[in-house]
């Protein structure tokens, strides 16, 4: 059997071979006490080749001199090849691998370790696993990305692109609206005010869509820029922003740190500010006039927990199931304040919590009102 085929078969049935060797060692131990009926049979190479050819993954073997030694039909299809036999013995460069793929092949050969990456092919992206062999041989496992995952990523990218494209015309319309407001009189000023109000809603929606898209597409390692943050200071700054709206309705804030001591959260201070702003804005929207929003900071195991309670009508069962879904809005009769949000605020809170290694949950307080709890790693 040729060296390329040996490497290809070793990759395809590596687990089986390991199991077979283990069985042989056990058999040798048993042979000391009882004789074996016969020597173990070798699996025919033709059978192994058929199994490799029928695999749903693509297999490609690269020789030490960087030429194509072998590939199965699935690899041909994934790489968009028509005459694969003509490629055998040709340099791997004829497949036009990206610089990243070529670098990973070199790493697998030089370091003798498995490498993972992706291979862009004809507008698609293949998942790539490179297996190092002896003597400079390298085996490549190729497979298409999960269709549902790819579809979701395309949808998220589409939303991001649309939101980004909308920013410029909305900004231009805001300028036009301001100009009209300076000149309008009587009934015209009412119409212009309504135009400006709707444009601000669109501007907020676009901003939230872009923010949510960035959060969802930022790897955890990049998103979680941890620092020791005192939640009390962040809550104070957020309430300064919301205080004018709260005063109009007589709504106050009651902050209760645990045992009078500062509990530090290991999180990105800007993302914590954004999450707390959305939580308090949501609580203010559902708080009755003259009531108090209660915010408690406490320690729960390894978590720093920020609980935000309003004294509104609470959450229905459907609310508790769908509260963090995009654009979900509960019963309009529950809202006590003006409904000017984008419907994405709590979805953003959830994504921030996940990006910082935490979680968010919602429920009803035993004495009435809704409680939203943001849990972040404790510093």
Foldseek 3Di string as FASTA:
>chain_A
DDPQLVVLLCVVCVVVVVVVVVVVVVVVVVCVPPNDPDDDDDDDSVVSVVVSQPDCKKKWKADQVQATADIHPNVCVVLVHDCVVVRHRPHPCVSVWDPVVVVLLVCCQPVVDKDWDWTDHPNFIWTWIWHHDPPRMIMIITDGDDPVVVVVVVVLVVLLVVLVVVQVVLVVVLVVLVVQCVPDDDPSNVVSVVVNLVSVLSNQLSVLSNLLSCLVPDDLVVQFPWDWAFLVVLLVVLCVVVVVVLVVLQEEEAEEEPPPDTWTFTGDSVLSSLLSNLLVVVLSFQAHRNYYWYWYWDDDPQKTKIKTWHQFQWDDPVCQVCVLPAQDDDDPVRTRHDPSHNSHSSVSSQSRLVSNVHGKHKGADPVHTIMIMRIGGTD
